[in-house]
Structure formats: structure tokens, C-alpha cells
């Protein structure tokens, strides 16, 4: 089993003001939805392979714009990294113990488990230290108690992912946070943006709850039994 202290949403939302982070994910939700709609609006849906490919490339461009716009709206820094060799750049967001990049997921048929489509070498390198997040663990990994409790910010790799909806291409089937295995072949954890926002809502509400007053009960004083009359 993974180490009990390695709860992904706890790790994601540490070291960042939860209210600002909530605003970021709300903005990201809006901008990612707009990215799919803008791609279809620019290149209308058609059963032509070249049009589908062009729309997919454009949607990926609009997804990058969505991340950068959401960051600018909420004062969350979005960096830029380059592939090696430097053929193209991609956005990176460091939040809590994760460094996030963009990715795509897909389902082979309706109801099938989602799979990660993005398998680039830079993503595999980013996720190379994700083994402690494996919910199943492995016989060959160190015992859970041996996992260091100090995890640097941005140490783990994650993806902001979107799934294309063939039935209604203007609206993605899924937008969320994806934590893959080291080799990208498995999914350790995934959360929709709605799940993350609910988690943050609850975290903020919990922090604002007034501290419960400790009730000090007074012990009853026993009256002395009057001495018998002589």
C-alpha cells in the first residue's frame, strides 16, 4: 500500500492558499470548456481525417491557452519548459508536491476505463518519482515507514487532462487531474476538477469553523452533614 501520509489531494493543495487555488481550478474549468468549443468553432466538425487531426492540434493549443489564462486570472504562475531537443515548448504548473503538464485521455468505448494518450518522454521523466503514490504498492519497494516524509514541492508528476467527446465535441467528456505510474502505463489516481473544487470548498469551510469552546464543568460541592444534636 502507499504511505498513509501520501494523500494526493493533500499533497496537491499544500503550500498554496486554498482560496486562491480554488479560484484557479474554477477558472481552469471554465477555460478548458472554452478550449473545446473554440476548436470546433474554428474548424467545424466533419468526418474528414485531416479536419479531425487539425482540430485535435488546435484543441491542444487552446488547452495551453486555457492553462495560461487561468493562471493569469488567479495569480498562479505558469512556467514554460522545452522538450530535448528543443522542438516545442509546453506549460508547467507547480502546485504543492506536484508539477503539472497538459495531457489527453481517451476511452476505447463508452463506459470503458480511461487511458492516458499522452506518452511523451518528457512526461515519463516528469513522473519518474511517482512510485510512492502507487495505491497497491509492490513487494520490491521499501516498506511504507521507510518513505521519507519530507517531499519537495513539485517532486511528483501529474497531468491536467481532457477527454474529447465525439458525440458533443464542443464539451469535453472529462477534465481533471491525472497521476500516472512511472512508465505511464497505469493510472495511480485521477480526480475531476469538480472533485478537486469540492475538496477545496470543504478544506476552506473547515478552516473557518469557529473553535469549539471547551466546557469546564464545575464539580458539585457536597454539603457537610450537620452534626447530630446532643
Protein backbone atom coordinates (compact mmCIF):
# COMPACT_ATOMS: atom_id res chain seq x y z
CA UNK A 1 0.00 0.00 0.00
CA UNK A 2 1.10 3.60 -0.48
CA UNK A 3 2.31 5.54 2.51
CA UNK A 4 -0.71 6.69 4.61
CA UNK A 5 0.53 10.30 4.61
CA UNK A 6 0.68 10.45 0.78
CA UNK A 7 -2.88 11.51 0.08
CA UNK A 8 -2.80 13.04 -3.43
CA UNK A 9 -5.24 15.90 -2.85
CA UNK A 10 -3.49 16.79 0.41
CA UNK A 11 -0.18 16.87 -1.45
CA UNK A 12 -1.66 18.89 -4.32
CA UNK A 13 -3.20 21.54 -2.10
CA UNK A 14 -0.40 22.02 0.42
CA UNK A 15 1.82 25.13 0.42
CA UNK A 16 -0.79 27.12 -1.52
CA UNK A 17 -3.57 29.38 -0.25
CA UNK A 18 -6.66 27.13 -0.69
CA UNK A 19 -8.91 30.05 -1.66
CA UNK A 20 -6.55 31.14 -4.45
CA UNK A 21 -6.19 27.53 -5.55
CA UNK A 22 -9.96 27.14 -5.65
CA UNK A 23 -10.23 30.22 -7.87
CA UNK A 24 -7.55 28.74 -10.16
CA UNK A 25 -9.41 25.45 -10.63
CA UNK A 26 -12.70 27.28 -11.16
CA UNK A 27 -11.04 29.42 -13.84
CA UNK A 28 -9.36 26.34 -15.34
CA UNK A 29 -12.73 24.56 -15.55
CA UNK A 30 -14.20 27.49 -17.49
CA UNK A 31 -11.20 27.94 -19.77
CA UNK A 32 -10.83 24.22 -20.62
CA UNK A 33 -14.51 24.03 -21.59
CA UNK A 34 -14.00 27.07 -23.81
CA UNK A 35 -10.95 25.43 -25.43
CA UNK A 36 -13.02 22.55 -26.87
CA UNK A 37 -15.76 24.90 -28.05
CA UNK A 38 -13.26 27.25 -29.70
CA UNK A 39 -11.58 24.36 -31.57
CA UNK A 40 -14.90 23.21 -33.04
CA UNK A 41 -15.92 26.77 -33.83
CA UNK A 42 -12.66 27.37 -35.69
CA UNK A 43 -12.69 24.05 -37.58
CA UNK A 44 -16.31 22.76 -37.75
CA UNK A 45 -16.88 19.05 -37.11
CA UNK A 46 -16.59 16.90 -40.25
CA UNK A 47 -15.83 13.24 -40.99
CA UNK A 48 -12.63 14.17 -42.78
CA UNK A 49 -9.40 12.78 -41.24
CA UNK A 50 -7.40 15.93 -41.98
CA UNK A 51 -10.06 18.12 -40.33
CA UNK A 52 -10.12 15.88 -37.24
CA UNK A 53 -6.34 15.99 -36.98
CA UNK A 54 -6.22 19.75 -37.43
CA UNK A 55 -8.98 20.25 -34.85
CA UNK A 56 -7.12 17.99 -32.38
CA UNK A 57 -3.91 20.02 -32.79
CA UNK A 58 -5.87 23.25 -32.39
CA UNK A 59 -7.64 21.92 -29.29
CA UNK A 60 -4.24 21.16 -27.74
CA UNK A 61 -3.17 24.74 -28.49
CA UNK A 62 -6.34 26.12 -26.91
CA UNK A 63 -5.79 23.88 -23.84
CA UNK A 64 -2.40 25.51 -23.34
CA UNK A 65 -4.01 28.91 -23.67
CA UNK A 66 -6.63 27.81 -21.10
CA UNK A 67 -3.99 26.92 -18.50
CA UNK A 68 -2.09 30.16 -19.02
CA UNK A 69 -5.27 32.26 -18.90
CA UNK A 70 -6.48 30.54 -15.72
CA UNK A 71 -3.07 31.19 -14.13
CA UNK A 72 -3.12 34.86 -15.16
CA UNK A 73 -6.67 35.30 -13.81
CA UNK A 74 -5.78 33.92 -10.38
CA UNK A 75 -2.09 34.84 -9.94
CA UNK A 76 -0.90 31.23 -10.21
CA UNK A 77 2.45 31.04 -12.00
CA UNK A 78 2.54 29.01 -15.22
CA UNK A 79 6.04 28.24 -16.46
CA UNK A 80 7.38 27.09 -19.82
CA UNK A 81 9.56 24.04 -20.41
CA UNK A 82 11.11 22.67 -23.60
CA UNK A 83 11.49 19.18 -24.98
CA UNK A 84 15.02 17.84 -25.55
CA UNK A 85 15.97 18.53 -28.26
CA UNK A 86 14.06 21.82 -28.06
CA UNK A 87 11.50 21.19 -30.79
CA UNK A 88 8.50 22.62 -28.93
CA UNK A 89 7.51 24.07 -25.56
CA UNK A 90 4.82 23.13 -23.06
CA UNK A 91 3.30 24.83 -19.98
CA UNK A 92 4.13 23.66 -16.44
CA UNK A 93 2.31 24.47 -13.21
CA UNK A 94 3.91 23.71 -9.84
CA UNK A 95 1.21 23.24 -7.22
CA UNK A 96 2.02 21.69 -3.85
CA UNK A 97 4.04 18.49 -4.26
CA UNK A 98 3.19 18.22 -7.99
CA UNK A 99 4.49 19.62 -11.24
CA UNK A 100 1.62 19.54 -13.73
CA UNK A 101 1.70 19.44 -17.52
CA UNK A 102 -1.04 19.01 -20.11
CA UNK A 103 -2.27 15.64 -21.34
CA UNK A 104 -5.06 13.82 -23.15
CA UNK A 105 -7.04 10.76 -22.05
CA UNK A 106 -9.41 8.54 -24.01
CA UNK A 107 -11.85 5.65 -23.64
CA UNK A 108 -11.93 2.81 -26.16
CA UNK A 109 -15.72 2.64 -25.88
CA UNK A 110 -18.48 4.14 -23.74
CA UNK A 111 -18.08 3.00 -20.14
CA UNK A 112 -14.51 1.72 -20.61
CA UNK A 113 -11.78 2.89 -18.22
CA UNK A 114 -9.95 5.99 -19.34
CA UNK A 115 -6.38 5.64 -20.55
CA UNK A 116 -3.61 8.17 -20.93
CA UNK A 117 -2.97 9.07 -24.57
CA UNK A 118 -0.02 11.37 -23.82
CA UNK A 119 3.10 9.18 -23.58
CA UNK A 120 5.88 11.64 -24.39
CA UNK A 121 9.36 11.10 -22.96
CA UNK A 122 9.25 14.39 -21.06
CA UNK A 123 6.07 13.25 -19.29
CA UNK A 124 7.66 9.92 -18.35
CA UNK A 125 10.68 11.78 -16.99
CA UNK A 126 8.38 14.09 -15.01
CA UNK A 127 6.57 11.11 -13.45
CA UNK A 128 9.69 9.02 -12.75
CA UNK A 129 9.36 9.54 -8.98
CA UNK A 130 5.67 8.65 -8.69
CA UNK A 131 6.19 5.15 -7.23
CA UNK A 132 5.34 6.16 -3.62
CA UNK A 133 1.86 7.17 -4.85
CA UNK A 134 1.05 3.64 -6.09
CA UNK A 135 -2.09 2.65 -4.12
CA UNK A 136 -1.22 -1.05 -4.46
CA UNK A 137 2.47 -0.81 -3.61
CA UNK A 138 4.88 -3.53 -4.60
CA UNK A 139 6.91 -6.28 -2.92
CA UNK A 140 10.10 -4.72 -4.23
CA UNK A 141 9.51 -1.22 -2.86
CA UNK A 142 10.75 -0.13 0.58
CA UNK A 143 8.36 -0.51 3.48
CA UNK A 144 5.89 2.34 3.86
CA UNK A 145 7.63 3.55 7.01
CA UNK A 146 10.85 3.98 5.03
CA UNK A 147 9.30 6.54 2.67
CA UNK A 148 10.70 9.98 3.55
CA UNK A 149 8.09 12.32 4.98
CA UNK A 150 9.79 15.43 3.55
CA UNK A 151 8.66 15.73 -0.08
CA UNK A 152 9.90 18.78 -2.02
CA UNK A 153 7.41 20.99 -3.82
CA UNK A 154 6.89 19.82 -7.39
CA UNK A 155 8.53 16.41 -6.75
CA UNK A 156 5.73 14.28 -8.24
CA UNK A 157 4.43 14.43 -11.79
CA UNK A 158 0.79 14.92 -12.72
CA UNK A 159 -1.28 16.00 -15.70
CA UNK A 160 -4.18 18.32 -16.33
CA UNK A 161 -6.10 16.14 -18.76
CA UNK A 162 -9.06 16.44 -21.08
CA UNK A 163 -11.06 13.75 -22.89
CA UNK A 164 -12.58 14.52 -26.29
CA UNK A 165 -16.30 13.89 -26.58
CA UNK A 166 -17.12 12.52 -30.04
CA UNK A 167 -20.90 12.91 -29.53
CA UNK A 168 -20.69 16.56 -28.48
CA UNK A 169 -17.18 17.79 -29.40
CA UNK A 170 -17.89 21.27 -28.01
CA UNK A 171 -17.91 19.86 -24.46
CA UNK A 172 -15.12 17.56 -23.14
CA UNK A 173 -16.20 14.27 -21.55
CA UNK A 174 -13.74 14.72 -18.70
CA UNK A 175 -11.38 17.38 -17.42
CA UNK A 176 -9.29 16.63 -14.38
CA UNK A 177 -6.06 15.78 -12.56
CA UNK A 178 -4.30 12.55 -13.57
CA UNK A 179 -1.49 10.81 -11.66
CA UNK A 180 0.17 8.13 -13.81
CA UNK A 181 2.66 5.41 -12.91
CA UNK A 182 6.39 5.83 -13.57
CA UNK A 183 6.10 4.18 -17.01
CA UNK A 184 2.78 5.92 -17.81
CA UNK A 185 1.07 2.53 -18.37
CA UNK A 186 -1.10 2.67 -15.26
CA UNK A 187 -3.23 5.26 -13.54
CA UNK A 188 -2.48 5.64 -9.85
CA UNK A 189 -5.16 8.27 -9.13
CA UNK A 190 -7.43 10.63 -11.00
CA UNK A 191 -9.83 13.36 -9.93
CA UNK A 192 -12.22 15.53 -11.89
CA UNK A 193 -11.94 19.29 -11.46
CA UNK A 194 -15.30 19.15 -9.66
CA UNK A 195 -13.87 16.71 -7.09
CA UNK A 196 -10.87 18.97 -6.51
CA UNK A 197 -13.08 22.04 -6.11
CA UNK A 198 -15.33 20.24 -3.61
CA UNK A 199 -12.25 19.14 -1.64
CA UNK A 200 -11.04 22.74 -1.52
CA UNK A 201 -14.50 24.06 -0.56
CA UNK A 202 -14.57 21.60 2.37
CA UNK A 203 -10.99 22.48 3.37
CA UNK A 204 -11.78 26.21 3.41
CA UNK A 205 -15.03 25.69 5.32
CA UNK A 206 -13.27 23.50 7.88
CA UNK A 207 -10.57 26.13 8.47
CA UNK A 208 -13.21 28.82 9.03
CA UNK A 209 -15.19 26.84 11.61
CA UNK A 210 -15.01 28.54 14.98
CA UNK A 211 -13.04 26.60 17.54
CA UNK A 212 -15.31 24.65 19.81
CA UNK A 213 -15.34 26.01 23.34
CA UNK A 214 -14.03 23.67 25.95
CA UNK A 215 -16.68 23.35 28.61
CA UNK A 216 -15.29 23.26 32.11
CA UNK A 217 -17.81 21.62 34.36
CA UNK A 218 -17.80 22.58 38.00
CA UNK A 219 -17.87 19.72 40.40
CA UNK A 220 -20.80 19.92 42.80
CA UNK A 221 -19.83 20.83 46.33
CA UNK A 222 -21.15 18.41 48.88
CA UNK A 223 -22.60 19.99 51.93
CA UNK A 224 -21.32 18.79 55.24
CA UNK A 225 -23.78 16.64 57.05
CA UNK A 226 -24.82 18.54 60.17
CA UNK A 227 -23.54 17.05 63.37
CA UNK A 228 -26.26 15.26 65.38
CA UNK A 229 -27.74 17.28 68.22
CA UNK A 230 -26.69 16.21 71.68
